[in-house]
């Protein structure tokens, strides 16, 4: 029976820690921008410049020869 009281106390302690961390994150602005992450996947990635791809092709060709 005493183990139940220990487990209840331990679970309350862990819940208080999670609540404290949650309020700390809200206060620091962790959850301010909730729109951008949902549309970020719709944006295209920047294309690599052609200079880099040409250099890589030339290096690969040199390695083959």
N, C-alpha and C. Protein backbone atom coordinates (compact mmCIF):
# COMPACT_ATOMS: atom_id res chain seq x y z
N UNK A 1 0.83 -1.20 0.00
CA UNK A 1 0.00 0.00 0.00
C UNK A 1 0.86 1.26 0.00
N UNK A 2 2.02 1.19 0.63
CA UNK A 2 2.87 2.38 0.66
C UNK A 2 3.45 2.69 -0.72
N UNK A 3 3.61 1.66 -1.55
CA UNK A 3 4.15 1.90 -2.89
C UNK A 3 3.20 2.76 -3.71
N UNK A 4 1.91 2.64 -3.47
CA UNK A 4 0.93 3.46 -4.18
C UNK A 4 1.13 4.93 -3.83
N UNK A 5 1.35 5.22 -2.56
CA UNK A 5 1.57 6.60 -2.15
C UNK A 5 2.89 7.14 -2.72
N UNK A 6 3.88 6.30 -2.79
CA UNK A 6 5.16 6.71 -3.38
C UNK A 6 4.97 7.00 -4.87
N UNK A 7 4.26 6.15 -5.58
CA UNK A 7 4.03 6.35 -7.00
C UNK A 7 3.16 7.58 -7.28
N UNK A 8 2.16 7.81 -6.44
CA UNK A 8 1.34 9.02 -6.61
C UNK A 8 2.18 10.26 -6.39
N UNK A 9 3.00 10.26 -5.36
CA UNK A 9 3.87 11.40 -5.10
C UNK A 9 4.87 11.62 -6.23
N UNK A 10 5.44 10.54 -6.74
CA UNK A 10 6.38 10.64 -7.84
C UNK A 10 5.71 11.16 -9.11
N UNK A 11 4.51 10.68 -9.39
CA UNK A 11 3.80 11.14 -10.58
C UNK A 11 3.40 12.61 -10.45
N UNK A 12 3.02 13.06 -9.27
CA UNK A 12 2.72 14.48 -9.07
C UNK A 12 3.97 15.33 -9.26
N UNK A 13 5.11 14.85 -8.78
CA UNK A 13 6.37 15.56 -8.94
C UNK A 13 6.73 15.69 -10.42
N UNK A 14 6.60 14.63 -11.18
CA UNK A 14 6.89 14.67 -12.62
C UNK A 14 5.90 15.58 -13.34
N UNK A 15 4.63 15.55 -12.95
CA UNK A 15 3.63 16.41 -13.58
C UNK A 15 3.93 17.88 -13.31
N UNK A 16 4.36 18.20 -12.12
CA UNK A 16 4.70 19.59 -11.78
C UNK A 16 5.91 20.04 -12.60
N UNK A 17 6.89 19.16 -12.78
CA UNK A 17 8.06 19.51 -13.59
C UNK A 17 7.64 19.78 -15.03
N UNK A 18 6.79 18.92 -15.61
CA UNK A 18 6.33 19.14 -16.98
C UNK A 18 5.52 20.43 -17.10
N UNK A 19 4.70 20.73 -16.10
CA UNK A 19 3.92 21.97 -16.11
C UNK A 19 4.84 23.18 -16.04
N UNK A 20 5.86 23.11 -15.21
CA UNK A 20 6.84 24.20 -15.11
C UNK A 20 7.56 24.41 -16.44
N UNK A 21 7.99 23.34 -17.07
CA UNK A 21 8.69 23.45 -18.36
C UNK A 21 7.75 24.01 -19.43
N UNK A 22 6.49 23.61 -19.42
CA UNK A 22 5.53 24.12 -20.38
C UNK A 22 5.35 25.62 -20.23
N UNK A 23 5.14 26.09 -19.01
CA UNK A 23 4.97 27.53 -18.79
C UNK A 23 6.24 28.31 -19.13
N UNK A 24 7.38 27.72 -18.88
CA UNK A 24 8.66 28.36 -19.21
C UNK A 24 8.78 28.52 -20.73
N UNK A 25 8.38 27.50 -21.48
CA UNK A 25 8.43 27.57 -22.94
C UNK A 25 7.43 28.58 -23.49
N UNK A 26 6.25 28.65 -22.90
CA UNK A 26 5.26 29.64 -23.35
C UNK A 26 5.78 31.04 -23.08
N UNK A 27 6.38 31.24 -21.91
CA UNK A 27 6.90 32.56 -21.56
C UNK A 27 8.05 32.97 -22.47
N UNK A 28 8.87 32.03 -22.89
CA UNK A 28 10.02 32.35 -23.73
C UNK A 28 9.64 32.49 -25.21
N UNK A 29 8.38 32.24 -25.58
CA UNK A 29 7.94 32.45 -26.95
C UNK A 29 8.06 31.23 -27.85
N UNK A 30 8.16 30.07 -27.28
CA UNK A 30 8.33 28.85 -28.07
C UNK A 30 7.13 28.59 -28.99
N UNK A 31 5.94 28.98 -28.56
CA UNK A 31 4.72 28.65 -29.31
C UNK A 31 4.10 29.88 -29.97
N UNK A 32 4.88 30.94 -30.21
CA UNK A 32 4.32 32.16 -30.79
C UNK A 32 3.94 31.99 -32.25
N UNK A 33 4.76 31.36 -33.06
CA UNK A 33 4.51 31.23 -34.49
C UNK A 33 3.95 29.85 -34.79
N UNK A 34 2.65 29.78 -34.94
CA UNK A 34 2.04 28.48 -35.21
C UNK A 34 1.58 28.35 -36.67
N UNK A 35 1.79 29.40 -37.48
CA UNK A 35 1.35 29.34 -38.87
C UNK A 35 2.47 28.93 -39.82
N UNK A 36 3.64 29.47 -39.64
CA UNK A 36 4.75 29.24 -40.58
C UNK A 36 5.14 27.76 -40.71
N UNK A 37 5.26 27.00 -39.64
CA UNK A 37 5.64 25.59 -39.83
C UNK A 37 4.65 24.80 -40.68
N UNK A 38 3.38 25.19 -40.65
CA UNK A 38 2.40 24.43 -41.42
C UNK A 38 2.49 24.69 -42.92
N UNK A 39 3.03 25.85 -43.32
CA UNK A 39 3.14 26.15 -44.74
C UNK A 39 4.58 26.06 -45.24
N UNK A 40 5.54 25.83 -44.37
CA UNK A 40 6.95 25.78 -44.77
C UNK A 40 7.20 24.65 -45.77
N UNK A 41 6.47 23.57 -45.65
CA UNK A 41 6.69 22.45 -46.57
C UNK A 41 6.21 22.77 -47.99
N UNK A 42 5.42 23.82 -48.16
CA UNK A 42 4.93 24.17 -49.47
C UNK A 42 5.94 24.99 -50.27
N UNK A 43 6.94 25.56 -49.59
CA UNK A 43 7.95 26.37 -50.28
C UNK A 43 8.99 25.47 -50.93
N UNK A 44 9.48 25.90 -52.09
CA UNK A 44 10.52 25.15 -52.79
C UNK A 44 11.87 25.39 -52.12
N UNK A 45 12.71 24.39 -52.16
CA UNK A 45 14.07 24.54 -51.68
C UNK A 45 14.85 25.37 -52.69
N UNK A 46 15.82 26.13 -52.23
CA UNK A 46 16.62 26.89 -53.20
C UNK A 46 17.43 25.94 -54.08
N UNK A 47 17.50 26.26 -55.36
CA UNK A 47 18.22 25.41 -56.30
C UNK A 47 19.71 25.67 -56.16
N UNK A 48 20.52 24.64 -56.28
CA UNK A 48 21.97 24.87 -56.20
C UNK A 48 22.44 25.62 -57.44
N UNK A 49 23.48 26.41 -57.25
CA UNK A 49 23.99 27.19 -58.39
C UNK A 49 24.62 26.24 -59.41
N UNK A 50 24.61 26.66 -60.66
CA UNK A 50 25.15 25.81 -61.72
C UNK A 50 26.66 25.66 -61.63
N UNK A 51 27.35 26.64 -61.02
CA UNK A 51 28.80 26.55 -60.88
C UNK A 51 29.20 25.34 -60.05
N UNK A 52 28.49 25.12 -58.98
CA UNK A 52 28.82 23.98 -58.10
C UNK A 52 28.57 22.66 -58.81
N UNK A 53 27.46 22.57 -59.53
CA UNK A 53 27.15 21.30 -60.20
C UNK A 53 28.14 21.03 -61.32
N UNK A 54 28.57 22.08 -62.05
CA UNK A 54 29.55 21.89 -63.12
C UNK A 54 30.89 21.45 -62.55
N UNK A 55 31.29 22.04 -61.42
CA UNK A 55 32.56 21.66 -60.79
C UNK A 55 32.51 20.20 -60.34
N UNK A 56 31.38 19.80 -59.80
CA UNK A 56 31.26 18.42 -59.35
C UNK A 56 31.31 17.45 -60.53
N UNK A 57 30.70 17.83 -61.64
CA UNK A 57 30.73 16.96 -62.82
C UNK A 57 32.15 16.82 -63.35
N UNK A 58 32.88 17.93 -63.37
CA UNK A 58 34.26 17.89 -63.85
C UNK A 58 35.13 17.05 -62.93
N UNK A 59 34.94 17.14 -61.66
CA UNK A 59 35.72 16.34 -60.72
C UNK A 59 35.42 14.86 -60.89
N UNK A 60 34.12 14.55 -61.11
CA UNK A 60 33.74 13.15 -61.30
C UNK A 60 34.35 12.60 -62.59
N UNK A 61 34.38 13.44 -63.63
CA UNK A 61 34.97 13.01 -64.89
C UNK A 61 36.46 12.77 -64.74
N UNK A 62 37.15 13.63 -63.97
CA UNK A 62 38.58 13.46 -63.75
C UNK A 62 38.87 12.18 -62.98
N UNK A 63 38.02 11.84 -62.05
CA UNK A 63 38.23 10.62 -61.26
C UNK A 63 38.06 9.37 -62.13
N UNK A 64 37.16 9.43 -63.10
CA UNK A 64 36.92 8.26 -63.94
C UNK A 64 38.08 7.99 -64.87
N UNK A 65 38.75 9.06 -65.32
CA UNK A 65 39.86 8.90 -66.27
C UNK A 65 41.08 8.56 -65.55
